[in-house]
Amino acid sequence: STTYTATVKGGASGVKDAAGNALVN
C-alpha cells in the first residue's frame, strides 16, 4: 500500500547519451 516515485535525472548531472547530450529534464 505504498506509492513510489521513480526518477531518471536530466541536466548536466543526469544521464547522457553516447554523444554526451543530456536528458533535458
mmCIF file of all heavy atoms, coordinates in Angstrom:
data_MODEL
# 
_entry.id   MODEL 
# 
loop_
_atom_site.group_PDB 
_atom_site.id 
_atom_site.type_symbol 
_atom_site.label_atom_id 
_atom_site.label_alt_id 
_atom_site.label_comp_id 
_atom_site.label_asym_id 
_atom_site.label_entity_id 
_atom_site.label_seq_id 
_atom_site.pdbx_PDB_ins_code 
_atom_site.Cartn_x 
_atom_site.Cartn_y 
_atom_site.Cartn_z 
_atom_site.occupancy 
_atom_site.B_iso_or_equiv 
_atom_site.pdbx_formal_charge 
_atom_site.auth_seq_id 
_atom_site.auth_comp_id 
_atom_site.auth_asym_id 
_atom_site.auth_atom_id 
_atom_site.pdbx_PDB_model_num 
ATOM 1   N N   . SER A 1 1  ? 0.817  -1.224 0.000   1.00 0.00 ? 1  SER A N   1 
ATOM 2   C CA  . SER A 1 1  ? 0.000  0.000  0.000   1.00 0.00 ? 1  SER A CA  1 
ATOM 3   C C   . SER A 1 1  ? 0.847  1.269  0.000   1.00 0.00 ? 1  SER A C   1 
ATOM 4   O O   . SER A 1 1  ? 0.570  2.226  0.734   1.00 0.00 ? 1  SER A O   1 
ATOM 5   C CB  . SER A 1 1  ? -0.945 0.003  1.209   1.00 0.00 ? 1  SER A CB  1 
ATOM 6   O OG  . SER A 1 1  ? -1.792 -1.111 1.176   1.00 0.00 ? 1  SER A OG  1 
ATOM 7   N N   . THR A 1 2  ? 1.870  1.291  -0.808  1.00 0.00 ? 2  THR A N   1 
ATOM 8   C CA  . THR A 1 2  ? 2.776  2.439  -0.857  1.00 0.00 ? 2  THR A CA  1 
ATOM 9   C C   . THR A 1 2  ? 2.927  2.915  -2.297  1.00 0.00 ? 2  THR A C   1 
ATOM 10  O O   . THR A 1 2  ? 3.070  2.107  -3.212  1.00 0.00 ? 2  THR A O   1 
ATOM 11  C CB  . THR A 1 2  ? 4.157  2.074  -0.291  1.00 0.00 ? 2  THR A CB  1 
ATOM 12  O OG1 . THR A 1 2  ? 3.999  1.627  1.064   1.00 0.00 ? 2  THR A OG1 1 
ATOM 13  C CG2 . THR A 1 2  ? 5.104  3.262  -0.324  1.00 0.00 ? 2  THR A CG2 1 
ATOM 14  N N   . THR A 1 3  ? 2.887  4.218  -2.439  1.00 0.00 ? 3  THR A N   1 
ATOM 15  C CA  . THR A 1 3  ? 3.121  4.813  -3.748  1.00 0.00 ? 3  THR A CA  1 
ATOM 16  C C   . THR A 1 3  ? 4.598  5.177  -3.866  1.00 0.00 ? 3  THR A C   1 
ATOM 17  O O   . THR A 1 3  ? 5.157  5.837  -2.985  1.00 0.00 ? 3  THR A O   1 
ATOM 18  C CB  . THR A 1 3  ? 2.253  6.064  -3.952  1.00 0.00 ? 3  THR A CB  1 
ATOM 19  O OG1 . THR A 1 3  ? 0.882  5.685  -3.928  1.00 0.00 ? 3  THR A OG1 1 
ATOM 20  C CG2 . THR A 1 3  ? 2.560  6.732  -5.290  1.00 0.00 ? 3  THR A CG2 1 
ATOM 21  N N   . TYR A 1 4  ? 5.208  4.744  -4.942  1.00 0.00 ? 4  TYR A N   1 
ATOM 22  C CA  . TYR A 1 4  ? 6.623  5.003  -5.191  1.00 0.00 ? 4  TYR A CA  1 
ATOM 23  C C   . TYR A 1 4  ? 6.775  5.926  -6.397  1.00 0.00 ? 4  TYR A C   1 
ATOM 24  O O   . TYR A 1 4  ? 5.977  5.884  -7.331  1.00 0.00 ? 4  TYR A O   1 
ATOM 25  C CB  . TYR A 1 4  ? 7.372  3.697  -5.444  1.00 0.00 ? 4  TYR A CB  1 
ATOM 26  C CG  . TYR A 1 4  ? 7.474  2.820  -4.223  1.00 0.00 ? 4  TYR A CG  1 
ATOM 27  C CD1 . TYR A 1 4  ? 6.481  1.875  -3.937  1.00 0.00 ? 4  TYR A CD1 1 
ATOM 28  C CD2 . TYR A 1 4  ? 8.539  2.927  -3.342  1.00 0.00 ? 4  TYR A CD2 1 
ATOM 29  C CE1 . TYR A 1 4  ? 6.563  1.073  -2.815  1.00 0.00 ? 4  TYR A CE1 1 
ATOM 30  C CE2 . TYR A 1 4  ? 8.631  2.127  -2.218  1.00 0.00 ? 4  TYR A CE2 1 
ATOM 31  C CZ  . TYR A 1 4  ? 7.639  1.195  -1.955  1.00 0.00 ? 4  TYR A CZ  1 
ATOM 32  O OH  . TYR A 1 4  ? 7.728  0.410  -0.832  1.00 0.00 ? 4  TYR A OH  1 
ATOM 33  N N   . THR A 1 5  ? 7.832  6.721  -6.353  1.00 0.00 ? 5  THR A N   1 
ATOM 34  C CA  . THR A 1 5  ? 8.154  7.612  -7.468  1.00 0.00 ? 5  THR A CA  1 
ATOM 35  C C   . THR A 1 5  ? 9.537  7.263  -8.000  1.00 0.00 ? 5  THR A C   1 
ATOM 36  O O   . THR A 1 5  ? 10.527 7.296  -7.259  1.00 0.00 ? 5  THR A O   1 
ATOM 37  C CB  . THR A 1 5  ? 8.136  9.086  -7.045  1.00 0.00 ? 5  THR A CB  1 
ATOM 38  O OG1 . THR A 1 5  ? 6.836  9.426  -6.565  1.00 0.00 ? 5  THR A OG1 1 
ATOM 39  C CG2 . THR A 1 5  ? 8.488  9.999  -8.216  1.00 0.00 ? 5  THR A CG2 1 
ATOM 40  N N   . ALA A 1 6  ? 9.582  6.917  -9.279  1.00 0.00 ? 6  ALA A N   1 
ATOM 41  C CA  . ALA A 1 6  ? 10.857 6.643  -9.944  1.00 0.00 ? 6  ALA A CA  1 
ATOM 42  C C   . ALA A 1 6  ? 11.266 7.889  -10.727 1.00 0.00 ? 6  ALA A C   1 
ATOM 43  O O   . ALA A 1 6  ? 10.426 8.564  -11.323 1.00 0.00 ? 6  ALA A O   1 
ATOM 44  C CB  . ALA A 1 6  ? 10.728 5.459  -10.882 1.00 0.00 ? 6  ALA A CB  1 
ATOM 45  N N   . THR A 1 7  ? 12.569 8.192  -10.702 1.00 0.00 ? 7  THR A N   1 
ATOM 46  C CA  . THR A 1 7  ? 13.062 9.382  -11.393 1.00 0.00 ? 7  THR A CA  1 
ATOM 47  C C   . THR A 1 7  ? 14.346 9.071  -12.154 1.00 0.00 ? 7  THR A C   1 
ATOM 48  O O   . THR A 1 7  ? 15.275 8.479  -11.604 1.00 0.00 ? 7  THR A O   1 
ATOM 49  C CB  . THR A 1 7  ? 13.358 10.520 -10.394 1.00 0.00 ? 7  THR A CB  1 
ATOM 50  O OG1 . THR A 1 7  ? 12.165 10.826 -9.650  1.00 0.00 ? 7  THR A OG1 1 
ATOM 51  C CG2 . THR A 1 7  ? 13.826 11.779 -11.124 1.00 0.00 ? 7  THR A CG2 1 
ATOM 52  N N   . VAL A 1 8  ? 14.360 9.482  -13.415 1.00 0.00 ? 8  VAL A N   1 
ATOM 53  C CA  . VAL A 1 8  ? 15.590 9.468  -14.202 1.00 0.00 ? 8  VAL A CA  1 
ATOM 54  C C   . VAL A 1 8  ? 16.016 10.921 -14.313 1.00 0.00 ? 8  VAL A C   1 
ATOM 55  O O   . VAL A 1 8  ? 15.281 11.750 -14.854 1.00 0.00 ? 8  VAL A O   1 
ATOM 56  C CB  . VAL A 1 8  ? 15.366 8.864  -15.602 1.00 0.00 ? 8  VAL A CB  1 
ATOM 57  C CG1 . VAL A 1 8  ? 16.663 8.896  -16.406 1.00 0.00 ? 8  VAL A CG1 1 
ATOM 58  C CG2 . VAL A 1 8  ? 14.831 7.443  -15.492 1.00 0.00 ? 8  VAL A CG2 1 
ATOM 59  N N   . LYS A 1 9  ? 17.189 11.232 -13.796 1.00 0.00 ? 9  LYS A N   1 
ATOM 60  C CA  . LYS A 1 9  ? 17.608 12.624 -13.723 1.00 0.00 ? 9  LYS A CA  1 
ATOM 61  C C   . LYS A 1 9  ? 18.164 13.140 -15.048 1.00 0.00 ? 9  LYS A C   1 
ATOM 62  O O   . LYS A 1 9  ? 18.865 12.439 -15.768 1.00 0.00 ? 9  LYS A O   1 
ATOM 63  C CB  . LYS A 1 9  ? 18.652 12.802 -12.622 1.00 0.00 ? 9  LYS A CB  1 
ATOM 64  C CG  . LYS A 1 9  ? 18.101 12.577 -11.223 1.00 0.00 ? 9  LYS A CG  1 
ATOM 65  C CD  . LYS A 1 9  ? 19.130 12.907 -10.164 1.00 0.00 ? 9  LYS A CD  1 
ATOM 66  C CE  . LYS A 1 9  ? 18.556 12.724 -8.766  1.00 0.00 ? 9  LYS A CE  1 
ATOM 67  N NZ  . LYS A 1 9  ? 19.556 13.037 -7.718  1.00 0.00 ? 9  LYS A NZ  1 
ATOM 68  N N   . GLY A 1 10 ? 17.821 14.399 -15.345 1.00 0.00 ? 10 GLY A N   1 
ATOM 69  C CA  . GLY A 1 10 ? 18.320 15.067 -16.533 1.00 0.00 ? 10 GLY A CA  1 
ATOM 70  C C   . GLY A 1 10 ? 19.280 16.179 -16.171 1.00 0.00 ? 10 GLY A C   1 
ATOM 71  O O   . GLY A 1 10 ? 19.682 16.317 -15.016 1.00 0.00 ? 10 GLY A O   1 
ATOM 72  N N   . GLY A 1 11 ? 19.656 16.979 -17.140 1.00 0.00 ? 11 GLY A N   1 
ATOM 73  C CA  . GLY A 1 11 ? 20.559 18.091 -16.885 1.00 0.00 ? 11 GLY A CA  1 
ATOM 74  C C   . GLY A 1 11 ? 22.020 17.666 -16.863 1.00 0.00 ? 11 GLY A C   1 
ATOM 75  O O   . GLY A 1 11 ? 22.373 16.523 -17.145 1.00 0.00 ? 11 GLY A O   1 
ATOM 76  N N   . ALA A 1 12 ? 22.873 18.612 -16.487 1.00 0.00 ? 12 ALA A N   1 
ATOM 77  C CA  . ALA A 1 12 ? 24.318 18.387 -16.524 1.00 0.00 ? 12 ALA A CA  1 
ATOM 78  C C   . ALA A 1 12 ? 24.772 17.221 -15.664 1.00 0.00 ? 12 ALA A C   1 
ATOM 79  O O   . ALA A 1 12 ? 25.743 16.543 -16.004 1.00 0.00 ? 12 ALA A O   1 
ATOM 80  C CB  . ALA A 1 12 ? 25.042 19.665 -16.109 1.00 0.00 ? 12 ALA A CB  1 
ATOM 81  N N   . SER A 1 13 ? 24.078 16.977 -14.559 1.00 0.00 ? 13 SER A N   1 
ATOM 82  C CA  . SER A 1 13 ? 24.477 15.892 -13.653 1.00 0.00 ? 13 SER A CA  1 
ATOM 83  C C   . SER A 1 13 ? 23.622 14.648 -13.842 1.00 0.00 ? 13 SER A C   1 
ATOM 84  O O   . SER A 1 13 ? 23.666 13.733 -13.024 1.00 0.00 ? 13 SER A O   1 
ATOM 85  C CB  . SER A 1 13 ? 24.389 16.366 -12.194 1.00 0.00 ? 13 SER A CB  1 
ATOM 86  O OG  . SER A 1 13 ? 23.066 16.760 -11.873 1.00 0.00 ? 13 SER A OG  1 
ATOM 87  N N   . GLY A 1 14 ? 22.845 14.599 -14.917 1.00 0.00 ? 14 GLY A N   1 
ATOM 88  C CA  . GLY A 1 14 ? 21.957 13.470 -15.154 1.00 0.00 ? 14 GLY A CA  1 
ATOM 89  C C   . GLY A 1 14 ? 22.491 12.502 -16.195 1.00 0.00 ? 14 GLY A C   1 
ATOM 90  O O   . GLY A 1 14 ? 23.680 12.504 -16.526 1.00 0.00 ? 14 GLY A O   1 
ATOM 91  N N   . VAL A 1 15 ? 21.596 11.663 -16.716 1.00 0.00 ? 15 VAL A N   1 
ATOM 92  C CA  . VAL A 1 15 ? 22.000 10.685 -17.718 1.00 0.00 ? 15 VAL A CA  1 
ATOM 93  C C   . VAL A 1 15 ? 22.297 11.378 -19.044 1.00 0.00 ? 15 VAL A C   1 
ATOM 94  O O   . VAL A 1 15 ? 21.708 12.413 -19.359 1.00 0.00 ? 15 VAL A O   1 
ATOM 95  C CB  . VAL A 1 15 ? 20.914 9.603  -17.916 1.00 0.00 ? 15 VAL A CB  1 
ATOM 96  C CG1 . VAL A 1 15 ? 20.691 8.818  -16.631 1.00 0.00 ? 15 VAL A CG1 1 
ATOM 97  C CG2 . VAL A 1 15 ? 19.598 10.223 -18.389 1.00 0.00 ? 15 VAL A CG2 1 
ATOM 98  N N   . LYS A 1 16 ? 23.215 10.795 -19.826 1.00 0.00 ? 16 LYS A N   1 
ATOM 99  C CA  . LYS A 1 16 ? 23.602 11.377 -21.112 1.00 0.00 ? 16 LYS A CA  1 
ATOM 100 C C   . LYS A 1 16 ? 23.683 10.275 -22.159 1.00 0.00 ? 16 LYS A C   1 
ATOM 101 O O   . LYS A 1 16 ? 23.958 9.118  -21.847 1.00 0.00 ? 16 LYS A O   1 
ATOM 102 C CB  . LYS A 1 16 ? 24.940 12.084 -20.995 1.00 0.00 ? 16 LYS A CB  1 
ATOM 103 C CG  . LYS A 1 16 ? 24.944 13.262 -20.034 1.00 0.00 ? 16 LYS A CG  1 
ATOM 104 C CD  . LYS A 1 16 ? 26.316 13.889 -19.963 1.00 0.00 ? 16 LYS A CD  1 
ATOM 105 C CE  . LYS A 1 16 ? 26.304 15.116 -19.057 1.00 0.00 ? 16 LYS A CE  1 
ATOM 106 N NZ  . LYS A 1 16 ? 26.016 14.784 -17.670 1.00 0.00 ? 16 LYS A NZ  1 
ATOM 107 N N   . ASP A 1 17 ? 23.457 10.672 -23.409 1.00 0.00 ? 17 ASP A N   1 
ATOM 108 C CA  . ASP A 1 17 ? 23.575 9.693  -24.490 1.00 0.00 ? 17 ASP A CA  1 
ATOM 109 C C   . ASP A 1 17 ? 25.043 9.496  -24.853 1.00 0.00 ? 17 ASP A C   1 
ATOM 110 O O   . ASP A 1 17 ? 25.947 10.120 -24.273 1.00 0.00 ? 17 ASP A O   1 
ATOM 111 C CB  . ASP A 1 17 ? 22.719 10.091 -25.696 1.00 0.00 ? 17 ASP A CB  1 
ATOM 112 C CG  . ASP A 1 17 ? 23.209 11.354 -26.396 1.00 0.00 ? 17 ASP A CG  1 
ATOM 113 O OD1 . ASP A 1 17 ? 24.361 11.772 -26.168 1.00 0.00 ? 17 ASP A OD1 1 
ATOM 114 O OD2 . ASP A 1 17 ? 22.431 11.924 -27.176 1.00 0.00 ? 17 ASP A OD2 1 
ATOM 115 N N   . ALA A 1 18 ? 25.296 8.635  -25.823 1.00 0.00 ? 18 ALA A N   1 
ATOM 116 C CA  . ALA A 1 18 ? 26.666 8.288  -26.186 1.00 0.00 ? 18 ALA A CA  1 
ATOM 117 C C   . ALA A 1 18 ? 27.446 9.480  -26.725 1.00 0.00 ? 18 ALA A C   1 
ATOM 118 O O   . ALA A 1 18 ? 28.679 9.494  -26.688 1.00 0.00 ? 18 ALA A O   1 
ATOM 119 C CB  . ALA A 1 18 ? 26.655 7.165  -27.211 1.00 0.00 ? 18 ALA A CB  1 
ATOM 120 N N   . ALA A 1 19 ? 26.737 10.503 -27.231 1.00 0.00 ? 19 ALA A N   1 
ATOM 121 C CA  . ALA A 1 19 ? 27.400 11.693 -27.767 1.00 0.00 ? 19 ALA A CA  1 
ATOM 122 C C   . ALA A 1 19 ? 27.574 12.777 -26.705 1.00 0.00 ? 19 ALA A C   1 
ATOM 123 O O   . ALA A 1 19 ? 28.114 13.849 -26.994 1.00 0.00 ? 19 ALA A O   1 
ATOM 124 C CB  . ALA A 1 19 ? 26.604 12.252 -28.941 1.00 0.00 ? 19 ALA A CB  1 
ATOM 125 N N   . GLY A 1 20 ? 27.094 12.512 -25.485 1.00 0.00 ? 20 GLY A N   1 
ATOM 126 C CA  . GLY A 1 20 ? 27.239 13.485 -24.403 1.00 0.00 ? 20 GLY A CA  1 
ATOM 127 C C   . GLY A 1 20 ? 26.066 14.418 -24.224 1.00 0.00 ? 20 GLY A C   1 
ATOM 128 O O   . GLY A 1 20 ? 26.108 15.328 -23.390 1.00 0.00 ? 20 GLY A O   1 
ATOM 129 N N   . ASN A 1 21 ? 24.994 14.221 -25.000 1.00 0.00 ? 21 ASN A N   1 
ATOM 130 C CA  . ASN A 1 21 ? 23.806 15.054 -24.837 1.00 0.00 ? 21 ASN A CA  1 
ATOM 131 C C   . ASN A 1 21 ? 23.016 14.576 -23.617 1.00 0.00 ? 21 ASN A C   1 
ATOM 132 O O   . ASN A 1 21 ? 22.778 13.372 -23.455 1.00 0.00 ? 21 ASN A O   1 
ATOM 133 C CB  . ASN A 1 21 ? 22.908 14.970 -26.078 1.00 0.00 ? 21 ASN A CB  1 
ATOM 134 C CG  . ASN A 1 21 ? 23.642 15.383 -27.333 1.00 0.00 ? 21 ASN A CG  1 
ATOM 135 O OD1 . ASN A 1 21 ? 24.150 16.496 -27.413 1.00 0.00 ? 21 ASN A OD1 1 
ATOM 136 N ND2 . ASN A 1 21 ? 23.727 14.489 -28.305 1.00 0.00 ? 21 ASN A ND2 1 
ATOM 137 N N   . ALA A 1 22 ? 22.616 15.502 -22.777 1.00 0.00 ? 22 ALA A N   1 
ATOM 138 C CA  . ALA A 1 22 ? 21.911 15.148 -21.546 1.00 0.00 ? 22 ALA A CA  1 
ATOM 139 C C   . ALA A 1 22 ? 20.400 15.099 -21.750 1.00 0.00 ? 22 ALA A C   1 
ATOM 140 O O   . ALA A 1 22 ? 19.849 15.812 -22.605 1.00 0.00 ? 22 ALA A O   1 
ATOM 141 C CB  . ALA A 1 22 ? 22.234 16.156 -20.452 1.00 0.00 ? 22 ALA A CB  1 
ATOM 142 N N   . LEU A 1 23 ? 19.740 14.244 -20.979 1.00 0.00 ? 23 LEU A N   1 
ATOM 143 C CA  . LEU A 1 23 ? 18.285 14.289 -20.885 1.00 0.00 ? 23 LEU A CA  1 
ATOM 144 C C   . LEU A 1 23 ? 17.924 15.696 -20.438 1.00 0.00 ? 23 LEU A C   1 
ATOM 145 O O   . LEU A 1 23 ? 18.510 16.219 -19.489 1.00 0.00 ? 23 LEU A O   1 
ATOM 146 C CB  . LEU A 1 23 ? 17.816 13.249 -19.861 1.00 0.00 ? 23 LEU A CB  1 
ATOM 147 C CG  . LEU A 1 23 ? 16.314 13.003 -19.714 1.00 0.00 ? 23 LEU A CG  1 
ATOM 148 C CD1 . LEU A 1 23 ? 15.778 12.259 -20.932 1.00 0.00 ? 23 LEU A CD1 1 
ATOM 149 C CD2 . LEU A 1 23 ? 16.044 12.185 -18.450 1.00 0.00 ? 23 LEU A CD2 1 
ATOM 150 N N   . VAL A 1 24 ? 16.995 16.347 -21.114 1.00 0.00 ? 24 VAL A N   1 
ATOM 151 C CA  . VAL A 1 24 ? 16.752 17.774 -20.858 1.00 0.00 ? 24 VAL A CA  1 
ATOM 152 C C   . VAL A 1 24 ? 16.240 18.020 -19.446 1.00 0.00 ? 24 VAL A C   1 
ATOM 153 O O   . VAL A 1 24 ? 16.748 18.884 -18.726 1.00 0.00 ? 24 VAL A O   1 
ATOM 154 C CB  . VAL A 1 24 ? 15.768 18.345 -21.897 1.00 0.00 ? 24 VAL A CB  1 
ATOM 155 C CG1 . VAL A 1 24 ? 15.441 19.803 -21.567 1.00 0.00 ? 24 VAL A CG1 1 
ATOM 156 C CG2 . VAL A 1 24 ? 16.344 18.237 -23.296 1.00 0.00 ? 24 VAL A CG2 1 
ATOM 157 N N   . ASN A 1 25 ? 15.230 17.271 -19.033 1.00 0.00 ? 25 ASN A N   1 
ATOM 158 C CA  . ASN A 1 25 ? 14.629 17.453 -17.706 1.00 0.00 ? 25 ASN A CA  1 
ATOM 159 C C   . ASN A 1 25 ? 14.512 16.108 -16.992 1.00 0.00 ? 25 ASN A C   1 
ATOM 160 O O   . ASN A 1 25 ? 14.574 15.046 -17.626 1.00 0.00 ? 25 ASN A O   1 
ATOM 161 C CB  . ASN A 1 25 ? 13.233 18.075 -17.831 1.00 0.00 ? 25 ASN A CB  1 
ATOM 162 C CG  . ASN A 1 25 ? 13.250 19.445 -18.463 1.00 0.00 ? 25 ASN A CG  1 
ATOM 163 O OD1 . ASN A 1 25 ? 13.961 20.330 -18.008 1.00 0.00 ? 25 ASN A OD1 1 
ATOM 164 N ND2 . ASN A 1 25 ? 12.483 19.624 -19.530 1.00 0.00 ? 25 ASN A ND2 1 
# 
